[in-house]
Every structure is written in structure tokens, then in C-alpha cells.
Amino acid sequence: MQLNSLKFYPKALILITISLFILQSCSSVTTKTEKLDINDVIYSKKQQHERRIAESGKNTFVRDMLFGKDSNTNNGTVSGLSVNPYLWKASLDIISSTMPLASVDSNSGIIISDWYNIKGKKNERVKISVLVTSKELRADGLKVSIFKQVQKSNSWNNIEINPKITLNLERKIIRKAAMLENTSN
């Protein structure tokens, strides 16, 4: 190739240089990436909100509504709740203090924990569900169910739980609910 056959095009050189600057400036555009929480995928927006409320444990709608200054009490019940507020709050406090919650619904009175591995035992897990059925503070207005599973051969198998454990948890919730009612009066 002869040197004479290569022609110098200053306009083309300027165009190429400007194009490179434009491309380079586009590459400096930053995008925000956020870590995806699996709970955001699994649960609906309402369930995510209820989980955050239950897990935060402070300044929640339920607590403000039940025990705040603006609550309207009427014989141990609060308008807007279809269950006893003291049984509800005691159940929520006790269950959420020990394990993560999977579902909380104050309208139906249901609290369901997520599966929780027992400390030191990776092959055992428990799940608790609480159903508050009464507007009055009564022992029969509460139903607690505890489920336990043991992992064998890469599968979880249900095992029986001692009924006394369930009864003790129910009594603990009822005692706390009675204390909450006494302190509010």
C-alpha cells in the first residue's frame, strides 16, 4: 500500500471522535439495582404490609388502633376489629417475639408463623397458628395449633406434638391478654 493512496479526511476524523465521546458518555449511565427479597415475590402487597407491621413491633396500625389514645373501647372490644383486642395483641406479641410470621389477618383473627428451625436442631422445625374467635376475653376464644416436622431422607415428616405444649402456649397468651386488659383499665 502506498502512502499516497491513503487520504486524510479531517471531517471523518471529527465525526468519529464525536461519536466516540457520545458512546463513552452513554456508558457512564448508572442504574440502580436493588436486592430482591423473596418475600416480595411470594406474598401479595397486602401480606407484605401485614408482615412488616407484625415484624416491626412498634407504632403499628394494630397497636395504635387498639391501645392508642384515639381507640374507642366498648366492653373490651374495639370497633373495627372482629376479635378481642387483648387476645389479639397478646397472641401477636408472643408469637412474633420467637419466630417470623407468615400471615397476619386481624379481620379473621388468624396469625400463622413461618416454619422455624429449633435452635441446634437443623432437622426439626415448628410452625404455629393462632385463631382468635371471640370478641370477649375468654379462654375458649382462642385456638392454638402447633405443627412439628422432622427431616428424614431429604423430606419433612409430620410428628405428633405433646398437647400440653399447645395448652401451655394458650394459657400464656390468655394470661398476657388479661394483664393487658388490667393495665388498660
C-alpha atoms as a PDB file:
ATOM      1  CA  MET A   1       0.000   0.000   0.000  1.00  0.00           C
ATOM      2  CA  GLN A   2       1.327   3.316  -0.880  1.00  0.00           C
ATOM      3  CA  LEU A   3       1.198   6.230   1.435  1.00  0.00           C
ATOM      4  CA  ASN A   4      -0.221   8.398  -1.304  1.00  0.00           C
ATOM      5  CA  SER A   5      -3.349   6.224  -1.626  1.00  0.00           C
ATOM      6  CA  LEU A   6      -4.386   6.928   1.986  1.00  0.00           C
ATOM      7  CA  LYS A   7      -6.135  10.223   2.055  1.00  0.00           C
ATOM      8  CA  PHE A   8      -6.651  12.187   5.189  1.00  0.00           C
ATOM      9  CA  TYR A   9     -10.292  13.102   5.852  1.00  0.00           C
ATOM     10  CA  PRO A  10     -10.474  15.666   8.675  1.00  0.00           C
ATOM     11  CA  LYS A  11     -14.286  15.756   8.663  1.00  0.00           C
ATOM     12  CA  ALA A  12     -14.464  11.965   9.088  1.00  0.00           C
ATOM     13  CA  LEU A  13     -11.944  12.105  11.923  1.00  0.00           C
ATOM     14  CA  ILE A  14     -14.010  14.762  13.723  1.00  0.00           C
ATOM     15  CA  LEU A  15     -17.200  12.719  13.205  1.00  0.00           C
ATOM     16  CA  ILE A  16     -15.559   9.564  14.593  1.00  0.00           C
ATOM     17  CA  THR A  17     -14.191  11.481  17.589  1.00  0.00           C
ATOM     18  CA  ILE A  18     -17.604  12.982  18.403  1.00  0.00           C
ATOM     19  CA  SER A  19     -19.232   9.547  18.060  1.00  0.00           C
ATOM     20  CA  LEU A  20     -16.729   8.048  20.475  1.00  0.00           C
ATOM     21  CA  PHE A  21     -17.429  10.787  23.038  1.00  0.00           C
ATOM     22  CA  ILE A  22     -21.166  10.192  22.745  1.00  0.00           C
ATOM     23  CA  LEU A  23     -20.760   6.441  23.167  1.00  0.00           C
ATOM     24  CA  GLN A  24     -18.439   6.922  26.093  1.00  0.00           C
ATOM     25  CA  SER A  25     -20.874   9.287  27.832  1.00  0.00           C
ATOM     26  CA  CYS A  26     -23.682   6.753  27.399  1.00  0.00           C
ATOM     27  CA  SER A  27     -21.623   4.104  29.129  1.00  0.00           C
ATOM     28  CA  SER A  28     -21.420   6.203  32.288  1.00  0.00           C
ATOM     29  CA  VAL A  29     -25.189   5.956  32.835  1.00  0.00           C
ATOM     30  CA  THR A  30     -25.706   4.254  36.169  1.00  0.00           C
ATOM     31  CA  THR A  31     -28.640   2.058  37.014  1.00  0.00           C
ATOM     32  CA  LYS A  32     -29.922   1.308  40.458  1.00  0.00           C
ATOM     33  CA  THR A  33     -30.176  -2.361  41.292  1.00  0.00           C
ATOM     34  CA  GLU A  34     -31.852  -3.489  44.461  1.00  0.00           C
ATOM     35  CA  LYS A  35     -31.591  -6.761  46.249  1.00  0.00           C
ATOM     36  CA  LEU A  36     -34.765  -8.747  45.679  1.00  0.00           C
ATOM     37  CA  ASP A  37     -36.403 -10.090  48.814  1.00  0.00           C
ATOM     38  CA  ILE A  38     -38.012 -13.494  48.261  1.00  0.00           C
ATOM     39  CA  ASN A  39     -40.931 -12.391  50.441  1.00  0.00           C
ATOM     40  CA  ASP A  40     -41.713  -9.673  47.885  1.00  0.00           C
ATOM     41  CA  VAL A  41     -42.181 -12.381  45.275  1.00  0.00           C
ATOM     42  CA  ILE A  42     -44.132 -14.864  47.411  1.00  0.00           C
ATOM     43  CA  TYR A  43     -46.542 -12.558  49.247  1.00  0.00           C
ATOM     44  CA  SER A  44     -49.070 -10.066  47.911  1.00  0.00           C
ATOM     45  CA  LYS A  45     -48.666  -6.364  48.669  1.00  0.00           C
ATOM     46  CA  LYS A  46     -51.241  -6.592  51.494  1.00  0.00           C
ATOM     47  CA  GLN A  47     -49.492  -9.605  53.042  1.00  0.00           C
ATOM     48  CA  GLN A  48     -46.101  -7.867  52.756  1.00  0.00           C
ATOM     49  CA  HIS A  49     -47.526  -4.844  54.582  1.00  0.00           C
ATOM     50  CA  GLU A  50     -49.024  -7.034  57.323  1.00  0.00           C
ATOM     51  CA  ARG A  51     -45.695  -8.861  57.742  1.00  0.00           C
ATOM     52  CA  ARG A  52     -43.783  -5.589  58.057  1.00  0.00           C
ATOM     53  CA  ILE A  53     -46.271  -4.337  60.654  1.00  0.00           C
ATOM     54  CA  ALA A  54     -46.077  -7.544  62.656  1.00  0.00           C
ATOM     55  CA  GLU A  55     -42.289  -7.766  62.458  1.00  0.00           C
ATOM     56  CA  SER A  56     -41.612  -4.111  63.309  1.00  0.00           C
ATOM     57  CA  GLY A  57     -43.415  -4.345  66.650  1.00  0.00           C
ATOM     58  CA  LYS A  58     -43.705  -0.601  67.175  1.00  0.00           C
ATOM     59  CA  ASN A  59     -46.051   2.152  66.050  1.00  0.00           C
ATOM     60  CA  THR A  60     -48.177  -0.299  64.155  1.00  0.00           C
ATOM     61  CA  PHE A  61     -51.692   0.306  62.968  1.00  0.00           C
ATOM     62  CA  VAL A  62     -52.995  -2.543  65.102  1.00  0.00           C
ATOM     63  CA  ARG A  63     -51.257  -1.340  68.243  1.00  0.00           C
ATOM     64  CA  ASP A  64     -52.180   2.286  67.643  1.00  0.00           C
ATOM     65  CA  MET A  65     -55.770   1.371  66.935  1.00  0.00           C
ATOM     66  CA  LEU A  66     -56.084  -0.981  69.888  1.00  0.00           C
ATOM     67  CA  PHE A  67     -54.154   0.827  72.570  1.00  0.00           C
ATOM     68  CA  GLY A  68     -53.650   4.350  71.297  1.00  0.00           C
ATOM     69  CA  LYS A  69     -55.299   7.471  72.679  1.00  0.00           C
ATOM     70  CA  ASP A  70     -57.958   7.526  69.948  1.00  0.00           C
ATOM     71  CA  SER A  71     -59.215   3.979  70.399  1.00  0.00           C
ATOM     72  CA  ASN A  72     -62.926   3.550  71.058  1.00  0.00           C
ATOM     73  CA  THR A  73     -63.367   0.777  73.549  1.00  0.00           C
ATOM     74  CA  ASN A  74     -66.665  -0.863  74.340  1.00  0.00           C
ATOM     75  CA  ASN A  75     -66.672  -3.668  76.922  1.00  0.00           C
ATOM     76  CA  GLY A  76     -63.243  -4.943  75.943  1.00  0.00           C
ATOM     77  CA  THR A  77     -63.804  -4.689  72.214  1.00  0.00           C
ATOM     78  CA  VAL A  78     -62.597  -2.154  69.707  1.00  0.00           C
ATOM     79  CA  SER A  79     -64.656  -1.015  66.769  1.00  0.00           C
ATOM     80  CA  GLY A  80     -63.034  -2.159  63.544  1.00  0.00           C
ATOM     81  CA  LEU A  81     -61.757  -5.431  65.000  1.00  0.00           C
ATOM     82  CA  SER A  82     -63.866  -8.543  64.942  1.00  0.00           C
ATOM     83  CA  VAL A  83     -61.827 -10.223  67.693  1.00  0.00           C
ATOM     84  CA  ASN A  84     -60.835  -9.380  71.253  1.00  0.00           C
ATOM     85  CA  PRO A  85     -58.016  -6.829  71.064  1.00  0.00           C
ATOM     86  CA  TYR A  86     -56.224  -8.133  74.146  1.00  0.00           C
ATOM     87  CA  LEU A  87     -56.197 -11.736  72.942  1.00  0.00           C
ATOM     88  CA  TRP A  88     -55.082 -10.482  69.527  1.00  0.00           C
ATOM     89  CA  LYS A  89     -52.254  -8.319  70.861  1.00  0.00           C
ATOM     90  CA  ALA A  90     -51.046 -10.971  73.311  1.00  0.00           C
ATOM     91  CA  SER A  91     -51.031 -13.617  70.566  1.00  0.00           C
ATOM     92  CA  LEU A  92     -49.203 -11.341  68.154  1.00  0.00           C
ATOM     93  CA  ASP A  93     -46.623 -10.310  70.759  1.00  0.00           C
ATOM     94  CA  ILE A  94     -45.850 -13.842  71.925  1.00  0.00           C
ATOM     95  CA  ILE A  95     -45.688 -15.497  68.506  1.00  0.00           C
ATOM     96  CA  SER A  96     -43.776 -12.703  66.738  1.00  0.00           C
ATOM     97  CA  SER A  97     -41.221 -12.477  69.559  1.00  0.00           C
ATOM     98  CA  THR A  98     -39.975 -16.002  68.905  1.00  0.00           C
ATOM     99  CA  MET A  99     -40.489 -16.708  65.216  1.00  0.00           C
ATOM    100  CA  PRO A 100     -41.098 -14.976  61.896  1.00  0.00           C
ATOM    101  CA  LEU A 101     -44.696 -14.507  60.831  1.00  0.00           C
ATOM    102  CA  ALA A 102     -46.033 -15.789  57.529  1.00  0.00           C
ATOM    103  CA  SER A 103     -49.561 -14.387  57.703  1.00  0.00           C
ATOM    104  CA  VAL A 104     -51.406 -11.954  59.942  1.00  0.00           C
ATOM    105  CA  ASP A 105     -55.077 -11.104  59.445  1.00  0.00           C
ATOM    106  CA  SER A 106     -56.774  -9.100  62.173  1.00  0.00           C
ATOM    107  CA  ASN A 107     -60.176  -9.289  60.466  1.00  0.00           C
ATOM    108  CA  SER A 108     -60.355 -13.066  60.729  1.00  0.00           C
ATOM    109  CA  GLY A 109     -58.187 -13.302  63.870  1.00  0.00           C
ATOM    110  CA  ILE A 110     -55.555 -15.551  62.290  1.00  0.00           C
ATOM    111  CA  ILE A 111     -51.818 -15.455  62.985  1.00  0.00           C
ATOM    112  CA  ILE A 112     -49.615 -18.009  61.237  1.00  0.00           C
ATOM    113  CA  SER A 113     -45.899 -18.242  61.829  1.00  0.00           C
ATOM    114  CA  ASP A 114     -43.396 -19.256  59.234  1.00  0.00           C
ATOM    115  CA  TRP A 115     -41.552 -22.550  59.657  1.00  0.00           C
ATOM    116  CA  TYR A 116     -38.922 -22.046  62.333  1.00  0.00           C
ATOM    117  CA  ASN A 117     -35.911 -24.287  62.926  1.00  0.00           C
ATOM    118  CA  ILE A 118     -35.357 -25.259  66.516  1.00  0.00           C
ATOM    119  CA  LYS A 119     -32.021 -23.980  67.838  1.00  0.00           C
ATOM    120  CA  GLY A 120     -29.267 -26.543  67.492  1.00  0.00           C
ATOM    121  CA  LYS A 121     -31.512 -28.921  65.531  1.00  0.00           C
ATOM    122  CA  LYS A 122     -31.379 -28.210  61.810  1.00  0.00           C
ATOM    123  CA  ASN A 123     -33.518 -31.249  61.050  1.00  0.00           C
ATOM    124  CA  GLU A 124     -36.500 -30.115  63.184  1.00  0.00           C
ATOM    125  CA  ARG A 125     -38.873 -27.248  62.585  1.00  0.00           C
ATOM    126  CA  VAL A 126     -42.132 -25.930  64.024  1.00  0.00           C
ATOM    127  CA  LYS A 127     -44.997 -23.769  62.836  1.00  0.00           C
ATOM    128  CA  ILE A 128     -47.694 -22.186  64.992  1.00  0.00           C
ATOM    129  CA  SER A 129     -51.138 -20.943  64.055  1.00  0.00           C
ATOM    130  CA  VAL A 130     -53.357 -18.938  66.382  1.00  0.00           C
ATOM    131  CA  LEU A 131     -57.052 -18.306  65.807  1.00  0.00           C
ATOM    132  CA  VAL A 132     -58.798 -15.708  67.956  1.00  0.00           C
ATOM    133  CA  THR A 133     -62.534 -16.397  67.690  1.00  0.00           C
ATOM    134  CA  SER A 134     -64.161 -14.277  70.386  1.00  0.00           C
ATOM    135  CA  LYS A 135     -64.806 -10.591  70.912  1.00  0.00           C
ATOM    136  CA  GLU A 136     -64.722 -11.200  74.658  1.00  0.00           C
ATOM    137  CA  LEU A 137     -61.653 -12.093  76.674  1.00  0.00           C
ATOM    138  CA  ARG A 138     -62.435 -15.777  77.199  1.00  0.00           C
ATOM    139  CA  ALA A 139     -60.256 -18.864  77.364  1.00  0.00           C
ATOM    140  CA  ASP A 140     -62.360 -20.630  74.734  1.00  0.00           C
ATOM    141  CA  GLY A 141     -61.974 -17.657  72.378  1.00  0.00           C
ATOM    142  CA  LEU A 142     -58.518 -18.812  71.380  1.00  0.00           C
ATOM    143  CA  LYS A 143     -57.310 -21.862  69.439  1.00  0.00           C
ATOM    144  CA  VAL A 144     -53.602 -22.608  69.095  1.00  0.00           C
ATOM    145  CA  SER A 145     -52.183 -25.275  66.792  1.00  0.00           C
ATOM    146  CA  ILE A 146     -48.545 -26.311  66.751  1.00  0.00           C
ATOM    147  CA  PHE A 147     -47.057 -28.333  63.919  1.00  0.00           C
ATOM    148  CA  LYS A 148     -43.697 -30.052  64.120  1.00  0.00           C
ATOM    149  CA  GLN A 149     -41.715 -31.717  61.354  1.00  0.00           C
ATOM    150  CA  VAL A 150     -38.523 -33.752  61.296  1.00  0.00           C
ATOM    151  CA  GLN A 151     -36.369 -34.060  58.213  1.00  0.00           C
ATOM    152  CA  LYS A 152     -35.546 -37.619  57.186  1.00  0.00           C
ATOM    153  CA  SER A 153     -34.024 -38.536  53.832  1.00  0.00           C
ATOM    154  CA  ASN A 154     -34.440 -35.008  52.413  1.00  0.00           C
ATOM    155  CA  SER A 155     -38.176 -34.885  53.171  1.00  0.00           C
ATOM    156  CA  TRP A 156     -40.078 -33.297  56.045  1.00  0.00           C
ATOM    157  CA  ASN A 157     -42.296 -35.659  58.032  1.00  0.00           C
ATOM    158  CA  ASN A 158     -45.007 -34.516  60.462  1.00  0.00           C
ATOM    159  CA  ILE A 159     -44.711 -35.737  64.014  1.00  0.00           C
ATOM    160  CA  GLU A 160     -47.119 -35.510  66.932  1.00  0.00           C
ATOM    161  CA  ILE A 161     -46.690 -32.687  69.391  1.00  0.00           C
ATOM    162  CA  ASN A 162     -47.413 -33.067  73.082  1.00  0.00           C
ATOM    163  CA  PRO A 163     -50.878 -31.499  73.690  1.00  0.00           C
ATOM    164  CA  LYS A 164     -49.582 -29.977  76.940  1.00  0.00           C
ATOM    165  CA  ILE A 165     -47.252 -27.727  74.927  1.00  0.00           C
ATOM    166  CA  THR A 166     -50.215 -26.314  72.999  1.00  0.00           C
ATOM    167  CA  LEU A 167     -52.240 -25.891  76.191  1.00  0.00           C
ATOM    168  CA  ASN A 168     -49.323 -24.098  77.910  1.00  0.00           C
ATOM    169  CA  LEU A 169     -48.994 -21.680  74.984  1.00  0.00           C
ATOM    170  CA  GLU A 170     -52.738 -20.955  75.049  1.00  0.00           C
ATOM    171  CA  ARG A 171     -52.565 -20.272  78.793  1.00  0.00           C
ATOM    172  CA  LYS A 172     -49.560 -17.988  78.332  1.00  0.00           C
ATOM    173  CA  ILE A 173     -51.431 -15.936  75.714  1.00  0.00           C
ATOM    174  CA  ILE A 174     -54.566 -15.735  77.895  1.00  0.00           C
ATOM    175  CA  ARG A 175     -52.543 -14.618  80.935  1.00  0.00           C
ATOM    176  CA  LYS A 176     -50.818 -11.905  78.889  1.00  0.00           C
ATOM    177  CA  ALA A 177     -54.170 -10.778  77.441  1.00  0.00           C
ATOM    178  CA  ALA A 178     -55.606 -10.492  80.972  1.00  0.00           C
ATOM    179  CA  MET A 179     -52.584  -8.434  82.048  1.00  0.00           C
ATOM    180  CA  LEU A 180     -53.029  -6.153  79.035  1.00  0.00           C
ATOM    181  CA  GLU A 181     -56.699  -5.657  79.863  1.00  0.00           C
ATOM    182  CA  ASN A 182     -55.929  -4.903  83.528  1.00  0.00           C
ATOM    183  CA  THR A 183     -53.255  -2.343  82.656  1.00  0.00           C
ATOM    184  CA  SER A 184     -55.547  -0.553  80.195  1.00  0.00           C
ATOM    185  CA  ASN A 185     -58.325  -0.082  82.772  1.00  0.00           C
END
